[in-house]
Amino acid sequence: MVTDGADLFKTRYIIGELKNISDITFVSASVEFILYDSAGNQIDTTSDHIKSFKAGNTWKFKAIVLSDDVAYFEFLHATKTYPRY
């Protein structure tokens, strides 16, 4: 997790990159994470999404973490929506 230094409220985010290694431009894609407190209790989830995830492109996702109680996170899944032909 990172904190946005330019953000007055010190908002935290989970950031990363996802590369579309296929030859398909997806209608959309998303990533989702489970958020835990220091005792290991699941307290929330967060996600980010993109529209038109083009073939060969790299998406730099940024999922916001709103609770100050989040101690760590776990990747849940990534999804994609295929175009209709």
PDB file of N, CA and C in Angstrom:
ATOM      1  N   MET A   1       0.846  -1.168   0.000  1.00  0.00           N
ATOM      2  CA  MET A   1       0.000   0.000   0.000  1.00  0.00           C
ATOM      3  C   MET A   1       0.894   1.234   0.000  1.00  0.00           C
ATOM      4  N   VAL A   2       0.445   2.242  -0.688  1.00  0.00           N
ATOM      5  CA  VAL A   2       1.186   3.491  -0.734  1.00  0.00           C
ATOM      6  C   VAL A   2       0.271   4.633  -0.329  1.00  0.00           C
ATOM      7  N   THR A   3       0.871   5.697   0.142  1.00  0.00           N
ATOM      8  CA  THR A   3       0.137   6.906   0.481  1.00  0.00           C
ATOM      9  C   THR A   3       0.470   7.964  -0.548  1.00  0.00           C
ATOM     10  N   ASP A   4      -0.553   8.632  -1.028  1.00  0.00           N
ATOM     11  CA  ASP A   4      -0.372   9.700  -2.006  1.00  0.00           C
ATOM     12  C   ASP A   4       0.141  10.935  -1.276  1.00  0.00           C
ATOM     13  N   GLY A   5       1.402  11.270  -1.448  1.00  0.00           N
ATOM     14  CA  GLY A   5       2.025  12.386  -0.757  1.00  0.00           C
ATOM     15  C   GLY A   5       1.419  13.733  -1.097  1.00  0.00           C
ATOM     16  N   ALA A   6       0.819  13.835  -2.286  1.00  0.00           N
ATOM     17  CA  ALA A   6       0.210  15.096  -2.702  1.00  0.00           C
ATOM     18  C   ALA A   6      -1.202  15.244  -2.152  1.00  0.00           C
ATOM     19  N   ASP A   7      -1.729  14.186  -1.582  1.00  0.00           N
ATOM     20  CA  ASP A   7      -3.097  14.171  -1.073  1.00  0.00           C
ATOM     21  C   ASP A   7      -3.119  14.743   0.346  1.00  0.00           C
ATOM     22  N   LEU A   8      -3.881  15.783   0.551  1.00  0.00           N
ATOM     23  CA  LEU A   8      -3.996  16.445   1.852  1.00  0.00           C
ATOM     24  C   LEU A   8      -4.477  15.486   2.935  1.00  0.00           C
ATOM     25  N   PHE A   9      -5.294  14.489   2.559  1.00  0.00           N
ATOM     26  CA  PHE A   9      -5.886  13.562   3.512  1.00  0.00           C
ATOM     27  C   PHE A   9      -5.073  12.287   3.695  1.00  0.00           C
ATOM     28  N   LYS A  10      -3.931  12.183   3.037  1.00  0.00           N
ATOM     29  CA  LYS A  10      -3.041  11.014   3.146  1.00  0.00           C
ATOM     30  C   LYS A  10      -3.766   9.718   2.787  1.00  0.00           C
ATOM     31  N   THR A  11      -4.521   9.758   1.702  1.00  0.00           N
ATOM     32  CA  THR A  11      -5.252   8.595   1.225  1.00  0.00           C
ATOM     33  C   THR A  11      -4.280   7.502   0.805  1.00  0.00           C
ATOM     34  N   ARG A  12      -4.624   6.254   1.149  1.00  0.00           N
ATOM     35  CA  ARG A  12      -3.782   5.116   0.775  1.00  0.00           C
ATOM     36  C   ARG A  12      -4.395   4.382  -0.411  1.00  0.00           C
ATOM     37  N   TYR A  13      -3.513   3.746  -1.197  1.00  0.00           N
ATOM     38  CA  TYR A  13      -3.923   3.017  -2.389  1.00  0.00           C
ATOM     39  C   TYR A  13      -3.134   1.724  -2.501  1.00  0.00           C
ATOM     40  N   ILE A  14      -3.719   0.762  -3.178  1.00  0.00           N
ATOM     41  CA  ILE A  14      -2.993  -0.409  -3.642  1.00  0.00           C
ATOM     42  C   ILE A  14      -2.716  -0.128  -5.112  1.00  0.00           C
ATOM     43  N   ILE A  15      -1.465  -0.133  -5.482  1.00  0.00           N
ATOM     44  CA  ILE A  15      -1.108   0.184  -6.863  1.00  0.00           C
ATOM     45  C   ILE A  15      -0.367  -0.992  -7.489  1.00  0.00           C
ATOM     46  N   GLY A  16      -0.452  -1.081  -8.785  1.00  0.00           N
ATOM     47  CA  GLY A  16       0.246  -2.141  -9.500  1.00  0.00           C
ATOM     48  C   GLY A  16       0.013  -2.021 -10.988  1.00  0.00           C
ATOM     49  N   GLU A  17       0.483  -3.005 -11.704  1.00  0.00           N
ATOM     50  CA  GLU A  17       0.337  -3.024 -13.155  1.00  0.00           C
ATOM     51  C   GLU A  17      -0.202  -4.376 -13.603  1.00  0.00           C
ATOM     52  N   LEU A  18      -1.032  -4.324 -14.634  1.00  0.00           N
ATOM     53  CA  LEU A  18      -1.570  -5.525 -15.249  1.00  0.00           C
ATOM     54  C   LEU A  18      -1.381  -5.382 -16.745  1.00  0.00           C
ATOM     55  N   LYS A  19      -0.771  -6.378 -17.375  1.00  0.00           N
ATOM     56  CA  LYS A  19      -0.506  -6.300 -18.810  1.00  0.00           C
ATOM     57  C   LYS A  19      -1.451  -7.234 -19.559  1.00  0.00           C
ATOM     58  N   ASN A  20      -2.039  -6.714 -20.621  1.00  0.00           N
ATOM     59  CA  ASN A  20      -2.878  -7.512 -21.508  1.00  0.00           C
ATOM     60  C   ASN A  20      -1.964  -8.165 -22.541  1.00  0.00           C
ATOM     61  N   ILE A  21      -1.626  -9.432 -22.319  1.00  0.00           N
ATOM     62  CA  ILE A  21      -0.694 -10.131 -23.205  1.00  0.00           C
ATOM     63  C   ILE A  21      -1.418 -10.836 -24.344  1.00  0.00           C
ATOM     64  N   SER A  22      -2.731 -10.635 -24.421  1.00  0.00           N
ATOM     65  CA  SER A  22      -3.496 -11.271 -25.498  1.00  0.00           C
ATOM     66  C   SER A  22      -3.517 -10.381 -26.734  1.00  0.00           C
ATOM     67  N   ASP A  23      -4.155 -10.880 -27.780  1.00  0.00           N
ATOM     68  CA  ASP A  23      -4.334 -10.071 -28.982  1.00  0.00           C
ATOM     69  C   ASP A  23      -5.765  -9.521 -29.055  1.00  0.00           C
ATOM     70  N   ILE A  24      -6.464  -9.522 -27.915  1.00  0.00           N
ATOM     71  CA  ILE A  24      -7.847  -9.065 -27.823  1.00  0.00           C
ATOM     72  C   ILE A  24      -7.906  -7.759 -27.041  1.00  0.00           C
ATOM     73  N   THR A  25      -8.674  -6.786 -27.538  1.00  0.00           N
ATOM     74  CA  THR A  25      -8.980  -5.594 -26.754  1.00  0.00           C
ATOM     75  C   THR A  25     -10.245  -5.894 -25.962  1.00  0.00           C
ATOM     76  N   PHE A  26     -10.135  -5.956 -24.642  1.00  0.00           N
ATOM     77  CA  PHE A  26     -11.272  -6.273 -23.791  1.00  0.00           C
ATOM     78  C   PHE A  26     -12.135  -5.030 -23.590  1.00  0.00           C
ATOM     79  N   VAL A  27     -13.429  -5.244 -23.452  1.00  0.00           N
ATOM     80  CA  VAL A  27     -14.362  -4.145 -23.199  1.00  0.00           C
ATOM     81  C   VAL A  27     -14.014  -3.467 -21.879  1.00  0.00           C
ATOM     82  N   SER A  28     -13.662  -4.288 -20.876  1.00  0.00           N
ATOM     83  CA  SER A  28     -13.263  -3.760 -19.564  1.00  0.00           C
ATOM     84  C   SER A  28     -12.438  -4.813 -18.830  1.00  0.00           C
ATOM     85  N   ALA A  29     -11.781  -4.368 -17.768  1.00  0.00           N
ATOM     86  CA  ALA A  29     -11.031  -5.259 -16.885  1.00  0.00           C
ATOM     87  C   ALA A  29     -11.094  -4.672 -15.477  1.00  0.00           C
ATOM     88  N   SER A  30     -10.931  -5.531 -14.477  1.00  0.00           N
ATOM     89  CA  SER A  30     -10.939  -5.051 -13.092  1.00  0.00           C
ATOM     90  C   SER A  30     -10.027  -5.916 -12.229  1.00  0.00           C
ATOM     91  N   VAL A  31      -9.610  -5.346 -11.111  1.00  0.00           N
ATOM     92  CA  VAL A  31      -8.867  -6.067 -10.072  1.00  0.00           C
ATOM     93  C   VAL A  31      -9.585  -5.822  -8.753  1.00  0.00           C
ATOM     94  N   GLU A  32      -9.577  -6.824  -7.880  1.00  0.00           N
ATOM     95  CA  GLU A  32     -10.226  -6.685  -6.573  1.00  0.00           C
ATOM     96  C   GLU A  32      -9.332  -7.257  -5.484  1.00  0.00           C
ATOM     97  N   PHE A  33      -9.349  -6.598  -4.332  1.00  0.00           N
ATOM     98  CA  PHE A  33      -8.518  -6.977  -3.192  1.00  0.00           C
ATOM     99  C   PHE A  33      -9.378  -7.079  -1.938  1.00  0.00           C
ATOM    100  N   ILE A  34      -9.016  -8.003  -1.038  1.00  0.00           N
ATOM    101  CA  ILE A  34      -9.645  -8.113   0.276  1.00  0.00           C
ATOM    102  C   ILE A  34      -8.765  -7.351   1.259  1.00  0.00           C
ATOM    103  N   LEU A  35      -9.387  -6.556   2.123  1.00  0.00           N
ATOM    104  CA  LEU A  35      -8.671  -5.739   3.105  1.00  0.00           C
ATOM    105  C   LEU A  35      -8.876  -6.306   4.506  1.00  0.00           C
ATOM    106  N   TYR A  36      -7.781  -6.379   5.281  1.00  0.00           N
ATOM    107  CA  TYR A  36      -7.803  -6.972   6.620  1.00  0.00           C
ATOM    108  C   TYR A  36      -7.281  -5.993   7.666  1.00  0.00           C
ATOM    109  N   ASP A  37      -7.784  -6.147   8.901  1.00  0.00           N
ATOM    110  CA  ASP A  37      -7.234  -5.368  10.009  1.00  0.00           C
ATOM    111  C   ASP A  37      -6.048  -6.134  10.604  1.00  0.00           C
ATOM    112  N   SER A  38      -5.433  -5.579  11.626  1.00  0.00           N
ATOM    113  CA  SER A  38      -4.225  -6.187  12.199  1.00  0.00           C
ATOM    114  C   SER A  38      -4.501  -7.515  12.894  1.00  0.00           C
ATOM    115  N   ALA A  39      -5.768  -7.794  13.245  1.00  0.00           N
ATOM    116  CA  ALA A  39      -6.130  -9.065  13.871  1.00  0.00           C
ATOM    117  C   ALA A  39      -6.460 -10.137  12.836  1.00  0.00           C
ATOM    118  N   GLY A  40      -6.402  -9.778  11.556  1.00  0.00           N
ATOM    119  CA  GLY A  40      -6.679 -10.742  10.502  1.00  0.00           C
ATOM    120  C   GLY A  40      -8.136 -10.827  10.099  1.00  0.00           C
ATOM    121  N   ASN A  41      -8.949  -9.896  10.559  1.00  0.00           N
ATOM    122  CA  ASN A  41     -10.365  -9.874  10.202  1.00  0.00           C
ATOM    123  C   ASN A  41     -10.568  -9.143   8.884  1.00  0.00           C
ATOM    124  N   GLN A  42     -11.378  -9.730   8.004  1.00  0.00           N
ATOM    125  CA  GLN A  42     -11.716  -9.040   6.765  1.00  0.00           C
ATOM    126  C   GLN A  42     -12.622  -7.876   7.108  1.00  0.00           C
ATOM    127  N   ILE A  43     -12.239  -6.673   6.667  1.00  0.00           N
ATOM    128  CA  ILE A  43     -13.042  -5.500   7.005  1.00  0.00           C
ATOM    129  C   ILE A  43     -13.615  -4.784   5.786  1.00  0.00           C
ATOM    130  N   ASP A  44     -13.114  -5.108   4.601  1.00  0.00           N
ATOM    131  CA  ASP A  44     -13.615  -4.429   3.414  1.00  0.00           C
ATOM    132  C   ASP A  44     -12.994  -5.058   2.173  1.00  0.00           C
ATOM    133  N   THR A  45     -13.396  -4.562   1.023  1.00  0.00           N
ATOM    134  CA  THR A  45     -12.753  -4.888  -0.240  1.00  0.00           C
ATOM    135  C   THR A  45     -12.532  -3.581  -0.992  1.00  0.00           C
ATOM    136  N   THR A  46     -11.666  -3.624  -1.972  1.00  0.00           N
ATOM    137  CA  THR A  46     -11.468  -2.468  -2.846  1.00  0.00           C
ATOM    138  C   THR A  46     -11.160  -2.972  -4.242  1.00  0.00           C
ATOM    139  N   SER A  47     -11.367  -2.127  -5.216  1.00  0.00           N
ATOM    140  CA  SER A  47     -11.137  -2.539  -6.596  1.00  0.00           C
ATOM    141  C   SER A  47     -10.847  -1.330  -7.474  1.00  0.00           C
ATOM    142  N   ASP A  48     -10.418  -1.620  -8.675  1.00  0.00           N
ATOM    143  CA  ASP A  48     -10.251  -0.607  -9.703  1.00  0.00           C
ATOM    144  C   ASP A  48     -10.659  -1.258 -11.019  1.00  0.00           C
ATOM    145  N   HIS A  49     -11.039  -0.440 -11.984  1.00  0.00           N
ATOM    146  CA  HIS A  49     -11.429  -0.984 -13.286  1.00  0.00           C
ATOM    147  C   HIS A  49     -11.001  -0.034 -14.401  1.00  0.00           C
ATOM    148  N   ILE A  50     -10.961  -0.603 -15.579  1.00  0.00           N
ATOM    149  CA  ILE A  50     -10.600   0.158 -16.773  1.00  0.00           C
ATOM    150  C   ILE A  50     -11.546  -0.247 -17.895  1.00  0.00           C
ATOM    151  N   LYS A  51     -11.903   0.700 -18.719  1.00  0.00           N
ATOM    152  CA  LYS A  51     -12.679   0.412 -19.920  1.00  0.00           C
ATOM    153  C   LYS A  51     -11.722   0.334 -21.097  1.00  0.00           C
ATOM    154  N   SER A  52     -12.035  -0.528 -22.052  1.00  0.00           N
ATOM    155  CA  SER A  52     -11.252  -0.685 -23.273  1.00  0.00           C
ATOM    156  C   SER A  52      -9.775  -0.973 -22.966  1.00  0.00           C
ATOM    157  N   PHE A  53      -9.527  -2.167 -22.440  1.00  0.00           N
ATOM    158  CA  PHE A  53      -8.169  -2.615 -22.121  1.00  0.00           C
ATOM    159  C   PHE A  53      -7.573  -3.215 -23.387  1.00  0.00           C
ATOM    160  N   LYS A  54      -6.774  -2.413 -24.071  1.00  0.00           N
ATOM    161  CA  LYS A  54      -6.273  -2.767 -25.401  1.00  0.00           C
ATOM    162  C   LYS A  54      -5.196  -3.841 -25.368  1.00  0.00           C
ATOM    163  N   ALA A  55      -5.189  -4.659 -26.417  1.00  0.00           N
ATOM    164  CA  ALA A  55      -4.204  -5.723 -26.571  1.00  0.00           C
ATOM    165  C   ALA A  55      -2.794  -5.139 -26.500  1.00  0.00           C
ATOM    166  N   GLY A  56      -1.940  -5.775 -25.691  1.00  0.00           N
ATOM    167  CA  GLY A  56      -0.551  -5.345 -25.572  1.00  0.00           C
ATOM    168  C   GLY A  56      -0.302  -4.206 -24.605  1.00  0.00           C
ATOM    169  N   ASN A  57      -1.361  -3.566 -24.123  1.00  0.00           N
ATOM    170  CA  ASN A  57      -1.184  -2.424 -23.211  1.00  0.00           C
ATOM    171  C   ASN A  57      -0.977  -2.867 -21.768  1.00  0.00           C
ATOM    172  N   THR A  58      -0.350  -1.993 -20.996  1.00  0.00           N
ATOM    173  CA  THR A  58      -0.187  -2.186 -19.560  1.00  0.00           C
ATOM    174  C   THR A  58      -1.049  -1.165 -18.829  1.00  0.00           C
ATOM    175  N   TRP A  59      -1.852  -1.655 -17.912  1.00  0.00           N
ATOM    176  CA  TRP A  59      -2.744  -0.811 -17.117  1.00  0.00           C
ATOM    177  C   TRP A  59      -2.131  -0.611 -15.738  1.00  0.00           C
ATOM    178  N   LYS A  60      -1.958   0.626 -15.342  1.00  0.00           N
ATOM    179  CA  LYS A  60      -1.480   0.950 -13.996  1.00  0.00           C
ATOM    180  C   LYS A  60      -2.702   1.218 -13.123  1.00  0.00           C
ATOM    181  N   PHE A  61      -3.081   0.193 -12.325  1.00  0.00           N
ATOM    182  CA  PHE A  61      -4.279   0.337 -11.502  1.00  0.00           C
ATOM    183  C   PHE A  61      -3.954   1.014 -10.171  1.00  0.00           C
ATOM    184  N   LYS A  62      -5.003   1.567  -9.558  1.00  0.00           N
ATOM    185  CA  LYS A  62      -4.879   2.300  -8.299  1.00  0.00           C
ATOM    186  C   LYS A  62      -6.186   2.127  -7.528  1.00  0.00           C
ATOM    187  N   ALA A  63      -6.212   1.200  -6.579  1.00  0.00           N
ATOM    188  CA  ALA A  63      -7.414   0.895  -5.801  1.00  0.00           C
ATOM    189  C   ALA A  63      -7.338   1.616  -4.457  1.00  0.00           C
ATOM    190  N   ILE A  64      -8.328   2.436  -4.174  1.00  0.00           N
ATOM    191  CA  ILE A  64      -8.317   3.265  -2.971  1.00  0.00           C
ATOM    192  C   ILE A  64      -8.593   2.435  -1.718  1.00  0.00           C
ATOM    193  N   VAL A  65      -7.908   2.765  -0.626  1.00  0.00           N
ATOM    194  CA  VAL A  65      -8.118   2.141   0.681  1.00  0.00           C
ATOM    195  C   VAL A  65      -8.645   3.237   1.601  1.00  0.00           C
ATOM    196  N   LEU A  66      -9.934   3.152   1.946  1.00  0.00           N
ATOM    197  CA  LEU A  66     -10.571   4.236   2.691  1.00  0.00           C
ATOM    198  C   LEU A  66     -10.448   4.117   4.208  1.00  0.00           C
ATOM    199  N   SER A  67     -10.321   2.914   4.730  1.00  0.00           N
ATOM    200  CA  SER A  67     -10.286   2.717   6.175  1.00  0.00           C
ATOM    201  C   SER A  67      -8.861   2.819   6.723  1.00  0.00           C
ATOM    202  N   ASP A  68      -8.712   3.513   7.821  1.00  0.00           N
ATOM    203  CA  ASP A  68      -7.419   3.585   8.508  1.00  0.00           C
ATOM    204  C   ASP A  68      -7.085   2.279   9.233  1.00  0.00           C
ATOM    205  N   ASP A  69      -8.077   1.403   9.397  1.00  0.00           N
ATOM    206  CA  ASP A  69      -7.885   0.147  10.119  1.00  0.00           C
ATOM    207  C   ASP A  69      -7.246  -0.949   9.269  1.00  0.00           C
ATOM    208  N   VAL A  70      -7.058  -0.712   7.979  1.00  0.00           N
ATOM    209  CA  VAL A  70      -6.491  -1.736   7.096  1.00  0.00           C
ATOM    210  C   VAL A  70      -5.001  -1.893   7.386  1.00  0.00           C
ATOM    211  N   ALA A  71      -4.614  -3.128   7.724  1.00  0.00           N
ATOM    212  CA  ALA A  71      -3.219  -3.438   8.003  1.00  0.00           C
ATOM    213  C   ALA A  71      -2.540  -4.119   6.812  1.00  0.00           C
ATOM    214  N   TYR A  72      -3.313  -4.939   6.084  1.00  0.00           N
ATOM    215  CA  TYR A  72      -2.751  -5.613   4.916  1.00  0.00           C
ATOM    216  C   TYR A  72      -3.881  -6.010   3.976  1.00  0.00           C
ATOM    217  N   PHE A  73      -3.507  -6.468   2.789  1.00  0.00           N
ATOM    218  CA  PHE A  73      -4.499  -6.843   1.791  1.00  0.00           C
ATOM    219  C   PHE A  73      -4.091  -8.131   1.108  1.00  0.00           C
ATOM    220  N   GLU A  74      -5.064  -8.721   0.415  1.00  0.00           N
ATOM    221  CA  GLU A  74      -4.842  -9.945  -0.342  1.00  0.00           C
ATOM    222  C   GLU A  74      -5.497  -9.773  -1.714  1.00  0.00           C
ATOM    223  N   PHE A  75      -4.786 -10.149  -2.761  1.00  0.00           N
ATOM    224  CA  PHE A  75      -5.349 -10.112  -4.098  1.00  0.00           C
ATOM    225  C   PHE A  75      -6.477 -11.133  -4.180  1.00  0.00           C
ATOM    226  N   LEU A  76      -7.654 -10.709  -4.657  1.00  0.00           N
ATOM    227  CA  LEU A  76      -8.781 -11.626  -4.797  1.00  0.00           C
ATOM    228  C   LEU A  76      -8.880 -12.145  -6.223  1.00  0.00           C
ATOM    229  N   HIS A  77      -9.016 -11.259  -7.204  1.00  0.00           N
ATOM    230  CA  HIS A  77      -9.074 -11.696  -8.588  1.00  0.00           C
ATOM    231  C   HIS A  77      -8.988 -10.522  -9.556  1.00  0.00           C
ATOM    232  N   ALA A  78      -8.738 -10.907 -10.799  1.00  0.00           N
ATOM    233  CA  ALA A  78      -8.804  -9.970 -11.924  1.00  0.00           C
ATOM    234  C   ALA A  78      -9.836 -10.525 -12.890  1.00  0.00           C
ATOM    235  N   THR A  79     -10.625  -9.649 -13.474  1.00  0.00           N
ATOM    236  CA  THR A  79     -11.640 -10.080 -14.434  1.00  0.00           C
ATOM    237  C   THR A  79     -11.518  -9.279 -15.720  1.00  0.00           C
ATOM    238  N   LYS A  80     -12.099  -9.812 -16.766  1.00  0.00           N
ATOM    239  CA  LYS A  80     -12.108  -9.127 -18.052  1.00  0.00           C
ATOM    240  C   LYS A  80     -13.427  -9.403 -18.749  1.00  0.00           C
ATOM    241  N   THR A  81     -13.858  -8.464 -19.573  1.00  0.00           N
ATOM    242  CA  THR A  81     -15.080  -8.622 -20.350  1.00  0.00           C
ATOM    243  C   THR A  81     -14.716  -8.689 -21.823  1.00  0.00           C
ATOM    244  N   TYR A  82     -15.075  -9.794 -22.448  1.00  0.00           N
ATOM    245  CA  TYR A  82     -14.771  -9.979 -23.872  1.00  0.00           C
ATOM    246  C   TYR A  82     -15.697  -9.141 -24.742  1.00  0.00           C
ATOM    247  N   PRO A  83     -15.202  -8.694 -25.884  1.00  0.00           N
ATOM    248  CA  PRO A  83     -16.079  -7.988 -26.823  1.00  0.00           C
ATOM    249  C   PRO A  83     -17.085  -8.955 -27.450  1.00  0.00           C
ATOM    250  N   ARG A  84     -18.202  -8.435 -27.874  1.00  0.00           N
ATOM    251  CA  ARG A  84     -19.204  -9.253 -28.571  1.00  0.00           C
ATOM    252  C   ARG A  84     -18.975  -9.105 -30.066  1.00  0.00           C
ATOM    253  N   TYR A  85     -18.884 -10.230 -30.719  1.00  0.00           N
ATOM    254  CA  TYR A  85     -18.666 -10.216 -32.180  1.00  0.00           C
ATOM    255  C   TYR A  85     -19.899 -10.683 -32.890  1.00  0.00           C
TER     256      TYR A  85
END
